[in-house]
Structures are given as structure tokens and as C-alpha cells.
Amino acid sequence: MAESKNKSISKEKGDLKTKIRIKIKAFDHKIIDQASKTIIETALRTDAQVSGPVPLPIEKRKYTVNRSTFVHKNARDQYEIRTHKRLIDIIEPSAKTIEDLTNLALPSGVDLEIKMD
């Protein structure tokens, strides 16, 4: 019984602050830095608190391909795709902040994941 009371109290305290978590992915690090800068400037313009951008580990996908078909098995090419990631938290956003973020024009090649907590 004591545990259930403690959980309900912590939930009440946690409900006071709303948060938007934005996860940005791109293949080029310059584009992702530019996109995160515009998101932060937009959030700060509407008086929201911003935490980030936090660089997350780079995802490296490697591919090995034979140079020629059927012969010369030892001759291969290796390719790598790097996916850069950033994490931005916007604490206590207003309605104006959310509206400005939805109408934001970001460069092509940038993927956004937005979660509201």
C-alpha cells in the first residue's frame, strides 16, 4: 500500500512540467547542426526552455560488395553510411512554440521524431 501512495505522489509532481523531445537524424553533420540551430532559435523566441542539442552516437552501417561478378572473390569494395543524431528537449512549451515548430522549414535530408511527454 505504501508503494502505491508514493507512485501517485511522484506522478502528480511529474505532471507539472510538459516536455517535447525532438530526435533529429541526418546523413550530413552540417545539415543536422543547421536544423538543430533553427529549432533552438524558434523555441527560444517563444520563451521556452531548451536542453540540447545532445549528440547521440553515430550509427555506422557498413556494406561489402564484390568488385566483379563470379571471379576475383578477394577483390571487394566497402561502403559506409553514417547516420548522425541529435536530441533536443523543449521544457514547458507554449501553444505558440508548438505552432512555430510545426510550420518550421528544415533542409531536405533531415528526419524529425517528435514526442510529447
PDB file of N, CA and C in Angstrom:
ATOM      1  N   MET A   1       0.809  -1.196   0.000  1.00  0.00           N
ATOM      2  CA  MET A   1       0.000   0.000   0.000  1.00  0.00           C
ATOM      3  C   MET A   1       0.853   1.261   0.000  1.00  0.00           C
ATOM      4  N   ALA A   2       1.948   1.229   0.745  1.00  0.00           N
ATOM      5  CA  ALA A   2       2.795   2.415   0.834  1.00  0.00           C
ATOM      6  C   ALA A   2       3.421   2.725  -0.520  1.00  0.00           C
ATOM      7  N   GLU A   3       3.721   1.677  -1.291  1.00  0.00           N
ATOM      8  CA  GLU A   3       4.340   1.891  -2.601  1.00  0.00           C
ATOM      9  C   GLU A   3       3.379   2.586  -3.560  1.00  0.00           C
ATOM     10  N   SER A   4       2.103   2.206  -3.531  1.00  0.00           N
ATOM     11  CA  SER A   4       1.147   2.815  -4.448  1.00  0.00           C
ATOM     12  C   SER A   4       0.930   4.302  -4.125  1.00  0.00           C
ATOM     13  N   LYS A   5       0.972   4.676  -2.867  1.00  0.00           N
ATOM     14  CA  LYS A   5       0.841   6.083  -2.498  1.00  0.00           C
ATOM     15  C   LYS A   5       2.034   6.882  -2.989  1.00  0.00           C
ATOM     16  N   ASN A   6       3.253   6.308  -2.865  1.00  0.00           N
ATOM     17  CA  ASN A   6       4.457   7.007  -3.316  1.00  0.00           C
ATOM     18  C   ASN A   6       4.436   7.205  -4.831  1.00  0.00           C
ATOM     19  N   LYS A   7       3.945   6.206  -5.560  1.00  0.00           N
ATOM     20  CA  LYS A   7       3.895   6.329  -7.010  1.00  0.00           C
ATOM     21  C   LYS A   7       2.919   7.418  -7.431  1.00  0.00           C
ATOM     22  N   SER A   8       1.769   7.492  -6.761  1.00  0.00           N
ATOM     23  CA  SER A   8       0.794   8.514  -7.143  1.00  0.00           C
ATOM     24  C   SER A   8       1.302   9.913  -6.828  1.00  0.00           C
ATOM     25  N   ILE A   9       2.055  10.066  -5.747  1.00  0.00           N
ATOM     26  CA  ILE A   9       2.622  11.369  -5.406  1.00  0.00           C
ATOM     27  C   ILE A   9       3.655  11.784  -6.444  1.00  0.00           C
ATOM     28  N   SER A  10       4.524  10.843  -6.877  1.00  0.00           N
ATOM     29  CA  SER A  10       5.544  11.183  -7.868  1.00  0.00           C
ATOM     30  C   SER A  10       4.909  11.509  -9.213  1.00  0.00           C
ATOM     31  N   LYS A  11       3.783  10.865  -9.555  1.00  0.00           N
ATOM     32  CA  LYS A  11       3.109  11.191 -10.812  1.00  0.00           C
ATOM     33  C   LYS A  11       2.537  12.596 -10.775  1.00  0.00           C
ATOM     34  N   GLU A  12       2.007  13.000  -9.623  1.00  0.00           N
ATOM     35  CA  GLU A  12       1.464  14.349  -9.508  1.00  0.00           C
ATOM     36  C   GLU A  12       2.545  15.400  -9.676  1.00  0.00           C
ATOM     37  N   LYS A  13       3.722  15.156  -9.123  1.00  0.00           N
ATOM     38  CA  LYS A  13       4.820  16.112  -9.274  1.00  0.00           C
ATOM     39  C   LYS A  13       5.329  16.131 -10.701  1.00  0.00           C
ATOM     40  N   GLY A  14       5.336  14.986 -11.381  1.00  0.00           N
ATOM     41  CA  GLY A  14       5.835  14.907 -12.744  1.00  0.00           C
ATOM     42  C   GLY A  14       4.912  15.568 -13.756  1.00  0.00           C
ATOM     43  N   ASP A  15       3.634  15.713 -13.438  1.00  0.00           N
ATOM     44  CA  ASP A  15       2.690  16.302 -14.369  1.00  0.00           C
ATOM     45  C   ASP A  15       2.826  17.817 -14.481  1.00  0.00           C
ATOM     46  N   LEU A  16       3.582  18.439 -13.611  1.00  0.00           N
ATOM     47  CA  LEU A  16       3.678  19.892 -13.611  1.00  0.00           C
ATOM     48  C   LEU A  16       4.403  20.424 -14.841  1.00  0.00           C
ATOM     49  N   LYS A  17       5.401  19.703 -15.340  1.00  0.00           N
ATOM     50  CA  LYS A  17       6.173  20.180 -16.480  1.00  0.00           C
ATOM     51  C   LYS A  17       5.895  19.306 -17.695  1.00  0.00           C
ATOM     52  N   THR A  18       5.512  19.953 -18.790  1.00  0.00           N
ATOM     53  CA  THR A  18       5.372  19.233 -20.044  1.00  0.00           C
ATOM     54  C   THR A  18       6.675  19.375 -20.818  1.00  0.00           C
ATOM     55  N   LYS A  19       6.908  18.401 -21.686  1.00  0.00           N
ATOM     56  CA  LYS A  19       8.188  18.388 -22.379  1.00  0.00           C
ATOM     57  C   LYS A  19       7.974  17.852 -23.793  1.00  0.00           C
ATOM     58  N   ILE A  20       8.690  18.439 -24.734  1.00  0.00           N
ATOM     59  CA  ILE A  20       8.729  17.934 -26.106  1.00  0.00           C
ATOM     60  C   ILE A  20      10.141  17.415 -26.348  1.00  0.00           C
ATOM     61  N   ARG A  21      10.254  16.177 -26.787  1.00  0.00           N
ATOM     62  CA  ARG A  21      11.556  15.587 -27.102  1.00  0.00           C
ATOM     63  C   ARG A  21      11.647  15.436 -28.616  1.00  0.00           C
ATOM     64  N   ILE A  22      12.656  16.085 -29.193  1.00  0.00           N
ATOM     65  CA  ILE A  22      12.860  16.052 -30.641  1.00  0.00           C
ATOM     66  C   ILE A  22      14.146  15.292 -30.936  1.00  0.00           C
ATOM     67  N   LYS A  23      14.030  14.259 -31.760  1.00  0.00           N
ATOM     68  CA  LYS A  23      15.193  13.471 -32.177  1.00  0.00           C
ATOM     69  C   LYS A  23      15.409  13.735 -33.663  1.00  0.00           C
ATOM     70  N   ILE A  24      16.600  14.224 -33.996  1.00  0.00           N
ATOM     71  CA  ILE A  24      16.917  14.614 -35.367  1.00  0.00           C
ATOM     72  C   ILE A  24      17.927  13.626 -35.940  1.00  0.00           C
ATOM     73  N   LYS A  25      17.680  13.169 -37.172  1.00  0.00           N
ATOM     74  CA  LYS A  25      18.596  12.259 -37.858  1.00  0.00           C
ATOM     75  C   LYS A  25      18.916  12.808 -39.237  1.00  0.00           C
ATOM     76  N   ALA A  26      20.193  12.671 -39.652  1.00  0.00           N
ATOM     77  CA  ALA A  26      20.600  13.081 -40.989  1.00  0.00           C
ATOM     78  C   ALA A  26      21.916  12.391 -41.340  1.00  0.00           C
ATOM     79  N   PHE A  27      22.200  12.331 -42.630  1.00  0.00           N
ATOM     80  CA  PHE A  27      23.453  11.729 -43.085  1.00  0.00           C
ATOM     81  C   PHE A  27      24.608  12.719 -43.041  1.00  0.00           C
ATOM     82  N   ASP A  28      24.319  14.002 -43.125  1.00  0.00           N
ATOM     83  CA  ASP A  28      25.353  15.036 -43.151  1.00  0.00           C
ATOM     84  C   ASP A  28      25.336  15.808 -41.832  1.00  0.00           C
ATOM     85  N   HIS A  29      26.490  15.934 -41.199  1.00  0.00           N
ATOM     86  CA  HIS A  29      26.556  16.604 -39.900  1.00  0.00           C
ATOM     87  C   HIS A  29      26.329  18.111 -39.994  1.00  0.00           C
ATOM     88  N   LYS A  30      26.648  18.718 -41.129  1.00  0.00           N
ATOM     89  CA  LYS A  30      26.428  20.162 -41.270  1.00  0.00           C
ATOM     90  C   LYS A  30      24.939  20.487 -41.331  1.00  0.00           C
ATOM     91  N   ILE A  31      24.192  19.662 -42.032  1.00  0.00           N
ATOM     92  CA  ILE A  31      22.752  19.880 -42.157  1.00  0.00           C
ATOM     93  C   ILE A  31      22.058  19.681 -40.815  1.00  0.00           C
ATOM     94  N   ILE A  32      22.496  18.667 -40.064  1.00  0.00           N
ATOM     95  CA  ILE A  32      21.848  18.386 -38.782  1.00  0.00           C
ATOM     96  C   ILE A  32      22.149  19.496 -37.774  1.00  0.00           C
ATOM     97  N   ASP A  33      23.338  20.067 -37.827  1.00  0.00           N
ATOM     98  CA  ASP A  33      23.655  21.184 -36.934  1.00  0.00           C
ATOM     99  C   ASP A  33      22.830  22.423 -37.289  1.00  0.00           C
ATOM    100  N   GLN A  34      22.646  22.660 -38.576  1.00  0.00           N
ATOM    101  CA  GLN A  34      21.849  23.793 -39.027  1.00  0.00           C
ATOM    102  C   GLN A  34      20.382  23.620 -38.610  1.00  0.00           C
ATOM    103  N   ALA A  35      19.856  22.411 -38.741  1.00  0.00           N
ATOM    104  CA  ALA A  35      18.460  22.148 -38.374  1.00  0.00           C
ATOM    105  C   ALA A  35      18.259  22.300 -36.868  1.00  0.00           C
ATOM    106  N   SER A  36      19.203  21.790 -36.080  1.00  0.00           N
ATOM    107  CA  SER A  36      19.067  21.909 -34.630  1.00  0.00           C
ATOM    108  C   SER A  36      19.167  23.369 -34.195  1.00  0.00           C
ATOM    109  N   LYS A  37      19.990  24.148 -34.868  1.00  0.00           N
ATOM    110  CA  LYS A  37      20.109  25.577 -34.547  1.00  0.00           C
ATOM    111  C   LYS A  37      18.799  26.310 -34.810  1.00  0.00           C
ATOM    112  N   THR A  38      18.135  26.019 -35.928  1.00  0.00           N
ATOM    113  CA  THR A  38      16.868  26.682 -36.228  1.00  0.00           C
ATOM    114  C   THR A  38      15.770  26.259 -35.247  1.00  0.00           C
ATOM    115  N   ILE A  39      15.763  25.000 -34.820  1.00  0.00           N
ATOM    116  CA  ILE A  39      14.773  24.541 -33.841  1.00  0.00           C
ATOM    117  C   ILE A  39      14.978  25.240 -32.506  1.00  0.00           C
ATOM    118  N   ILE A  40      16.230  25.353 -32.066  1.00  0.00           N
ATOM    119  CA  ILE A  40      16.528  26.007 -30.790  1.00  0.00           C
ATOM    120  C   ILE A  40      16.172  27.487 -30.840  1.00  0.00           C
ATOM    121  N   GLU A  41      16.511  28.161 -31.945  1.00  0.00           N
ATOM    122  CA  GLU A  41      16.175  29.581 -32.080  1.00  0.00           C
ATOM    123  C   GLU A  41      14.666  29.795 -32.056  1.00  0.00           C
ATOM    124  N   THR A  42      13.912  28.904 -32.694  1.00  0.00           N
ATOM    125  CA  THR A  42      12.450  29.016 -32.710  1.00  0.00           C
ATOM    126  C   THR A  42      11.879  28.840 -31.310  1.00  0.00           C
ATOM    127  N   ALA A  43      12.401  27.868 -30.567  1.00  0.00           N
ATOM    128  CA  ALA A  43      11.902  27.613 -29.213  1.00  0.00           C
ATOM    129  C   ALA A  43      12.255  28.765 -28.272  1.00  0.00           C
ATOM    130  N   LEU A  44      13.455  29.302 -28.391  1.00  0.00           N
ATOM    131  CA  LEU A  44      13.862  30.403 -27.518  1.00  0.00           C
ATOM    132  C   LEU A  44      13.095  31.688 -27.839  1.00  0.00           C
ATOM    133  N   ARG A  45      12.722  31.863 -29.092  1.00  0.00           N
ATOM    134  CA  ARG A  45      11.968  33.048 -29.495  1.00  0.00           C
ATOM    135  C   ARG A  45      10.596  33.075 -28.823  1.00  0.00           C
ATOM    136  N   THR A  46      10.049  31.890 -28.505  1.00  0.00           N
ATOM    137  CA  THR A  46       8.733  31.804 -27.868  1.00  0.00           C
ATOM    138  C   THR A  46       8.841  31.568 -26.364  1.00  0.00           C
ATOM    139  N   ASP A  47       9.976  31.881 -25.785  1.00  0.00           N
ATOM    140  CA  ASP A  47      10.212  31.821 -24.335  1.00  0.00           C
ATOM    141  C   ASP A  47      10.042  30.428 -23.730  1.00  0.00           C
ATOM    142  N   ALA A  48      10.515  29.402 -24.401  1.00  0.00           N
ATOM    143  CA  ALA A  48      10.521  28.048 -23.851  1.00  0.00           C
ATOM    144  C   ALA A  48      11.944  27.700 -23.435  1.00  0.00           C
ATOM    145  N   GLN A  49      12.073  26.820 -22.457  1.00  0.00           N
ATOM    146  CA  GLN A  49      13.400  26.385 -22.029  1.00  0.00           C
ATOM    147  C   GLN A  49      13.867  25.264 -22.949  1.00  0.00           C
ATOM    148  N   VAL A  50      15.156  25.315 -23.315  1.00  0.00           N
ATOM    149  CA  VAL A  50      15.694  24.333 -24.249  1.00  0.00           C
ATOM    150  C   VAL A  50      16.869  23.610 -23.607  1.00  0.00           C
ATOM    151  N   SER A  51      16.897  22.305 -23.764  1.00  0.00           N
ATOM    152  CA  SER A  51      18.015  21.490 -23.323  1.00  0.00           C
ATOM    153  C   SER A  51      18.566  20.759 -24.534  1.00  0.00           C
ATOM    154  N   GLY A  52      19.812  21.036 -24.872  1.00  0.00           N
ATOM    155  CA  GLY A  52      20.407  20.355 -26.019  1.00  0.00           C
ATOM    156  C   GLY A  52      21.012  21.354 -26.976  1.00  0.00           C
ATOM    157  N   PRO A  53      21.441  20.943 -28.112  1.00  0.00           N
ATOM    158  CA  PRO A  53      21.356  19.612 -28.702  1.00  0.00           C
ATOM    159  C   PRO A  53      22.399  18.662 -28.116  1.00  0.00           C
ATOM    160  N   VAL A  54      21.957  17.467 -27.817  1.00  0.00           N
ATOM    161  CA  VAL A  54      22.840  16.440 -27.275  1.00  0.00           C
ATOM    162  C   VAL A  54      23.211  15.513 -28.423  1.00  0.00           C
ATOM    163  N   PRO A  55      24.504  15.394 -28.753  1.00  0.00           N
ATOM    164  CA  PRO A  55      24.889  14.484 -29.838  1.00  0.00           C
ATOM    165  C   PRO A  55      24.797  13.030 -29.367  1.00  0.00           C
ATOM    166  N   LEU A  56      24.061  12.228 -30.115  1.00  0.00           N
ATOM    167  CA  LEU A  56      23.941  10.809 -29.821  1.00  0.00           C
ATOM    168  C   LEU A  56      24.967  10.040 -30.651  1.00  0.00           C
ATOM    169  N   PRO A  57      25.254   8.793 -30.302  1.00  0.00           N
ATOM    170  CA  PRO A  57      26.252   8.031 -31.062  1.00  0.00           C
ATOM    171  C   PRO A  57      25.887   7.905 -32.543  1.00  0.00           C
ATOM    172  N   ILE A  58      26.899   7.967 -33.382  1.00  0.00           N
ATOM    173  CA  ILE A  58      26.712   7.874 -34.822  1.00  0.00           C
ATOM    174  C   ILE A  58      26.482   6.413 -35.193  1.00  0.00           C
ATOM    175  N   GLU A  59      25.418   6.180 -35.961  1.00  0.00           N
ATOM    176  CA  GLU A  59      25.115   4.827 -36.419  1.00  0.00           C
ATOM    177  C   GLU A  59      25.862   4.598 -37.731  1.00  0.00           C
ATOM    178  N   LYS A  60      26.728   3.583 -37.765  1.00  0.00           N
ATOM    179  CA  LYS A  60      27.512   3.292 -38.965  1.00  0.00           C
ATOM    180  C   LYS A  60      27.039   1.967 -39.558  1.00  0.00           C
ATOM    181  N   ARG A  61      26.543   2.025 -40.794  1.00  0.00           N
ATOM    182  CA  ARG A  61      26.129   0.815 -41.490  1.00  0.00           C
ATOM    183  C   ARG A  61      27.143   0.552 -42.586  1.00  0.00           C
ATOM    184  N   LYS A  62      27.783  -0.622 -42.535  1.00  0.00           N
ATOM    185  CA  LYS A  62      28.840  -0.960 -43.490  1.00  0.00           C
ATOM    186  C   LYS A  62      28.354  -2.036 -44.455  1.00  0.00           C
ATOM    187  N   TYR A  63      28.721  -1.864 -45.723  1.00  0.00           N
ATOM    188  CA  TYR A  63      28.357  -2.807 -46.772  1.00  0.00           C
ATOM    189  C   TYR A  63      29.612  -3.230 -47.507  1.00  0.00           C
ATOM    190  N   THR A  64      29.749  -4.531 -47.755  1.00  0.00           N
ATOM    191  CA  THR A  64      30.865  -5.066 -48.525  1.00  0.00           C
ATOM    192  C   THR A  64      30.317  -5.675 -49.807  1.00  0.00           C
ATOM    193  N   VAL A  65      30.879  -5.283 -50.958  1.00  0.00           N
ATOM    194  CA  VAL A  65      30.381  -5.710 -52.260  1.00  0.00           C
ATOM    195  C   VAL A  65      31.545  -6.239 -53.079  1.00  0.00           C
ATOM    196  N   ASN A  66      31.320  -7.340 -53.802  1.00  0.00           N
ATOM    197  CA  ASN A  66      32.352  -7.853 -54.715  1.00  0.00           C
ATOM    198  C   ASN A  66      32.548  -6.881 -55.871  1.00  0.00           C
ATOM    199  N   ARG A  67      33.799  -6.689 -56.287  1.00  0.00           N
ATOM    200  CA  ARG A  67      34.063  -5.752 -57.382  1.00  0.00           C
ATOM    201  C   ARG A  67      33.587  -6.298 -58.715  1.00  0.00           C
ATOM    202  N   SER A  68      33.757  -7.581 -58.920  1.00  0.00           N
ATOM    203  CA  SER A  68      33.320  -8.171 -60.182  1.00  0.00           C
ATOM    204  C   SER A  68      32.457  -9.393 -59.884  1.00  0.00           C
ATOM    205  N   THR A  69      31.718  -9.808 -60.881  1.00  0.00           N
ATOM    206  CA  THR A  69      30.842 -10.955 -60.686  1.00  0.00           C
ATOM    207  C   THR A  69      31.584 -12.261 -60.967  1.00  0.00           C
ATOM    208  N   PHE A  70      31.312 -13.264 -60.198  1.00  0.00           N
ATOM    209  CA  PHE A  70      31.760 -14.644 -60.365  1.00  0.00           C
ATOM    210  C   PHE A  70      33.241 -14.884 -60.116  1.00  0.00           C
ATOM    211  N   VAL A  71      34.125 -13.945 -60.408  1.00  0.00           N
ATOM    212  CA  VAL A  71      35.562 -14.195 -60.247  1.00  0.00           C
ATOM    213  C   VAL A  71      36.161 -13.141 -59.332  1.00  0.00           C
ATOM    214  N   HIS A  72      37.392 -13.354 -58.919  1.00  0.00           N
ATOM    215  CA  HIS A  72      38.137 -12.438 -58.055  1.00  0.00           C
ATOM    216  C   HIS A  72      37.377 -12.161 -56.754  1.00  0.00           C
ATOM    217  N   LYS A  73      37.167 -13.248 -56.010  1.00  0.00           N
ATOM    218  CA  LYS A  73      36.399 -13.130 -54.766  1.00  0.00           C
ATOM    219  C   LYS A  73      37.096 -12.218 -53.757  1.00  0.00           C
ATOM    220  N   ASN A  74      38.408 -12.138 -53.797  1.00  0.00           N
ATOM    221  CA  ASN A  74      39.146 -11.333 -52.818  1.00  0.00           C
ATOM    222  C   ASN A  74      39.120  -9.839 -53.135  1.00  0.00           C
ATOM    223  N   ALA A  75      38.684  -9.455 -54.319  1.00  0.00           N
ATOM    224  CA  ALA A  75      38.616  -8.038 -54.681  1.00  0.00           C
ATOM    225  C   ALA A  75      37.238  -7.505 -54.289  1.00  0.00           C
ATOM    226  N   ARG A  76      37.190  -6.689 -53.251  1.00  0.00           N
ATOM    227  CA  ARG A  76      35.911  -6.183 -52.747  1.00  0.00           C
ATOM    228  C   ARG A  76      35.983  -4.683 -52.478  1.00  0.00           C
ATOM    229  N   ASP A  77      34.826  -4.052 -52.528  1.00  0.00           N
ATOM    230  CA  ASP A  77      34.689  -2.642 -52.145  1.00  0.00           C
ATOM    231  C   ASP A  77      33.887  -2.589 -50.860  1.00  0.00           C
ATOM    232  N   GLN A  78      34.226  -1.640 -49.987  1.00  0.00           N
ATOM    233  CA  GLN A  78      33.477  -1.460 -48.747  1.00  0.00           C
ATOM    234  C   GLN A  78      32.913  -0.051 -48.706  1.00  0.00           C
ATOM    235  N   TYR A  79      31.626   0.037 -48.352  1.00  0.00           N
ATOM    236  CA  TYR A  79      30.940   1.318 -48.261  1.00  0.00           C
ATOM    237  C   TYR A  79      30.373   1.475 -46.856  1.00  0.00           C
ATOM    238  N   GLU A  80      30.197   2.726 -46.456  1.00  0.00           N
ATOM    239  CA  GLU A  80      29.706   3.008 -45.108  1.00  0.00           C
ATOM    240  C   GLU A  80      28.717   4.169 -45.161  1.00  0.00           C
ATOM    241  N   ILE A  81      27.602   4.005 -44.466  1.00  0.00           N
ATOM    242  CA  ILE A  81      26.626   5.085 -44.332  1.00  0.00           C
ATOM    243  C   ILE A  81      26.608   5.497 -42.868  1.00  0.00           C
ATOM    244  N   ARG A  82      26.863   6.764 -42.600  1.00  0.00           N
ATOM    245  CA  ARG A  82      26.848   7.279 -41.230  1.00  0.00           C
ATOM    246  C   ARG A  82      25.574   8.086 -41.014  1.00  0.00           C
ATOM    247  N   THR A  83      24.869   7.764 -39.940  1.00  0.00           N
ATOM    248  CA  THR A  83      23.667   8.497 -39.577  1.00  0.00           C
ATOM    249  C   THR A  83      23.954   9.272 -38.299  1.00  0.00           C
ATOM    250  N   HIS A  84      23.961  10.602 -38.411  1.00  0.00           N
ATOM    251  CA  HIS A  84      24.211  11.466 -37.259  1.00  0.00           C
ATOM    252  C   HIS A  84      22.892  11.744 -36.564  1.00  0.00           C
ATOM    253  N   LYS A  85      22.923  11.836 -35.222  1.00  0.00           N
ATOM    254  CA  LYS A  85      21.693  12.041 -34.451  1.00  0.00           C
ATOM    255  C   LYS A  85      21.909  13.125 -33.402  1.00  0.00           C
ATOM    256  N   ARG A  86      20.864  13.897 -33.142  1.00  0.00           N
ATOM    257  CA  ARG A  86      20.867  14.906 -32.088  1.00  0.00           C
ATOM    258  C   ARG A  86      19.559  14.798 -31.314  1.00  0.00           C
ATOM    259  N   LEU A  87      19.610  15.170 -30.047  1.00  0.00           N
ATOM    260  CA  LEU A  87      18.437  15.126 -29.181  1.00  0.00           C
ATOM    261  C   LEU A  87      18.235  16.503 -28.557  1.00  0.00           C
ATOM    262  N   ILE A  88      17.013  17.047 -28.679  1.00  0.00           N
ATOM    263  CA  ILE A  88      16.684  18.350 -28.116  1.00  0.00           C
ATOM    264  C   ILE A  88      15.428  18.196 -27.271  1.00  0.00           C
ATOM    265  N   ASP A  89      15.475  18.713 -26.041  1.00  0.00           N
ATOM    266  CA  ASP A  89      14.309  18.736 -25.165  1.00  0.00           C
ATOM    267  C   ASP A  89      13.826  20.173 -25.026  1.00  0.00           C
ATOM    268  N   ILE A  90      12.532  20.383 -25.227  1.00  0.00           N
ATOM    269  CA  ILE A  90      11.932  21.690 -25.023  1.00  0.00           C
ATOM    270  C   ILE A  90      10.993  21.554 -23.830  1.00  0.00           C
ATOM    271  N   ILE A  91      11.323  22.275 -22.752  1.00  0.00           N
ATOM    272  CA  ILE A  91      10.596  22.160 -21.496  1.00  0.00           C
ATOM    273  C   ILE A  91       9.586  23.290 -21.392  1.00  0.00           C
ATOM    274  N   GLU A  92       8.373  22.958 -20.984  1.00  0.00           N
ATOM    275  CA  GLU A  92       7.262  23.892 -20.829  1.00  0.00           C
ATOM    276  C   GLU A  92       7.000  24.706 -22.097  1.00  0.00           C
ATOM    277  N   PRO A  93       6.673  24.032 -23.210  1.00  0.00           N
ATOM    278  CA  PRO A  93       6.386  24.780 -24.438  1.00  0.00           C
ATOM    279  C   PRO A  93       4.992  25.397 -24.387  1.00  0.00           C
ATOM    280  N   SER A  94       4.845  26.538 -25.006  1.00  0.00           N
ATOM    281  CA  SER A  94       3.541  27.183 -25.108  1.00  0.00           C
ATOM    282  C   SER A  94       2.871  26.731 -26.410  1.00  0.00           C
ATOM    283  N   ALA A  95       1.640  27.146 -26.602  1.00  0.00           N
ATOM    284  CA  ALA A  95       0.933  26.810 -27.839  1.00  0.00           C
ATOM    285  C   ALA A  95       1.622  27.452 -29.041  1.00  0.00           C
ATOM    286  N   LYS A  96       2.165  28.656 -28.833  1.00  0.00           N
ATOM    287  CA  LYS A  96       2.890  29.356 -29.908  1.00  0.00           C
ATOM    288  C   LYS A  96       4.149  28.579 -30.300  1.00  0.00           C
ATOM    289  N   THR A  97       4.835  27.982 -29.319  1.00  0.00           N
ATOM    290  CA  THR A  97       6.039  27.192 -29.595  1.00  0.00           C
ATOM    291  C   THR A  97       5.695  25.993 -30.465  1.00  0.00           C
ATOM    292  N   ILE A  98       4.643  25.283 -30.116  1.00  0.00           N
ATOM    293  CA  ILE A  98       4.245  24.100 -30.879  1.00  0.00           C
ATOM    294  C   ILE A  98       3.832  24.480 -32.293  1.00  0.00           C
ATOM    295  N   GLU A  99       3.106  25.585 -32.419  1.00  0.00           N
ATOM    296  CA  GLU A  99       2.673  26.053 -33.736  1.00  0.00           C
ATOM    297  C   GLU A  99       3.875  26.425 -34.606  1.00  0.00           C
ATOM    298  N   ASP A 100       4.838  27.133 -34.029  1.00  0.00           N
ATOM    299  CA  ASP A 100       6.025  27.534 -34.792  1.00  0.00           C
ATOM    300  C   ASP A 100       6.871  26.329 -35.202  1.00  0.00           C
ATOM    301  N   LEU A 101       6.938  25.313 -34.351  1.00  0.00           N
ATOM    302  CA  LEU A 101       7.729  24.120 -34.686  1.00  0.00           C
ATOM    303  C   LEU A 101       7.076  23.308 -35.801  1.00  0.00           C
ATOM    304  N   THR A 102       5.748  23.287 -35.850  1.00  0.00           N
ATOM    305  CA  THR A 102       5.088  22.535 -36.923  1.00  0.00           C
ATOM    306  C   THR A 102       5.222  23.241 -38.273  1.00  0.00           C
ATOM    307  N   ASN A 103       5.335  24.569 -38.265  1.00  0.00           N
ATOM    308  CA  ASN A 103       5.457  25.317 -39.517  1.00  0.00           C
ATOM    309  C   ASN A 103       6.907  25.574 -39.912  1.00  0.00           C
ATOM    310  N   LEU A 104       7.846  24.922 -39.254  1.00  0.00           N
ATOM    311  CA  LEU A 104       9.264  25.160 -39.489  1.00  0.00           C
ATOM    312  C   LEU A 104       9.726  24.534 -40.808  1.00  0.00           C
ATOM    313  N   ALA A 105      10.497  25.283 -41.580  1.00  0.00           N
ATOM    314  CA  ALA A 105      11.051  24.784 -42.842  1.00  0.00           C
ATOM    315  C   ALA A 105      12.482  24.318 -42.588  1.00  0.00           C
ATOM    316  N   LEU A 106      12.691  23.012 -42.648  1.00  0.00           N
ATOM    317  CA  LEU A 106      14.015  22.438 -42.418  1.00  0.00           C
ATOM    318  C   LEU A 106      14.611  21.978 -43.744  1.00  0.00           C
ATOM    319  N   PRO A 107      15.955  21.872 -43.817  1.00  0.00           N
ATOM    320  CA  PRO A 107      16.582  21.411 -45.060  1.00  0.00           C
ATOM    321  C   PRO A 107      16.192  19.969 -45.388  1.00  0.00           C
ATOM    322  N   SER A 108      16.238  19.630 -46.663  1.00  0.00           N
ATOM    323  CA  SER A 108      15.903  18.264 -47.061  1.00  0.00           C
ATOM    324  C   SER A 108      16.999  17.309 -46.573  1.00  0.00           C
ATOM    325  N   GLY A 109      16.618  16.097 -46.286  1.00  0.00           N
ATOM    326  CA  GLY A 109      17.563  15.115 -45.774  1.00  0.00           C
ATOM    327  C   GLY A 109      17.579  15.043 -44.255  1.00  0.00           C
ATOM    328  N   VAL A 110      16.699  15.779 -43.585  1.00  0.00           N
ATOM    329  CA  VAL A 110      16.626  15.775 -42.137  1.00  0.00           C
ATOM    330  C   VAL A 110      15.347  15.065 -41.708  1.00  0.00           C
ATOM    331  N   ASP A 111      15.472  14.100 -40.796  1.00  0.00           N
ATOM    332  CA  ASP A 111      14.324  13.356 -40.305  1.00  0.00           C
ATOM    333  C   ASP A 111      14.065  13.762 -38.854  1.00  0.00           C
ATOM    334  N   LEU A 112      12.818  14.094 -38.535  1.00  0.00           N
ATOM    335  CA  LEU A 112      12.439  14.511 -37.190  1.00  0.00           C
ATOM    336  C   LEU A 112      11.512  13.485 -36.555  1.00  0.00           C
ATOM    337  N   GLU A 113      11.757  13.200 -35.267  1.00  0.00           N
ATOM    338  CA  GLU A 113      10.824  12.418 -34.467  1.00  0.00           C
ATOM    339  C   GLU A 113      10.456  13.294 -33.271  1.00  0.00           C
ATOM    340  N   ILE A 114       9.179  13.610 -33.124  1.00  0.00           N
ATOM    341  CA  ILE A 114       8.730  14.483 -32.054  1.00  0.00           C
ATOM    342  C   ILE A 114       7.836  13.693 -31.120  1.00  0.00           C
ATOM    343  N   LYS A 115       8.190  13.710 -29.808  1.00  0.00           N
ATOM    344  CA  LYS A 115       7.384  13.047 -28.786  1.00  0.00           C
ATOM    345  C   LYS A 115       7.028  14.059 -27.718  1.00  0.00           C
ATOM    346  N   MET A 116       5.788  14.009 -27.279  1.00  0.00           N
ATOM    347  CA  MET A 116       5.347  14.888 -26.218  1.00  0.00           C
ATOM    348  C   MET A 116       5.173  14.060 -24.947  1.00  0.00           C
ATOM    349  N   ASP A 117       5.798  14.504 -23.867  1.00  0.00           N
ATOM    350  CA  ASP A 117       5.683  13.805 -22.583  1.00  0.00           C
ATOM    351  C   ASP A 117       4.885  14.640 -21.616  1.00  0.00           C
TER     352      ASP A 117
END
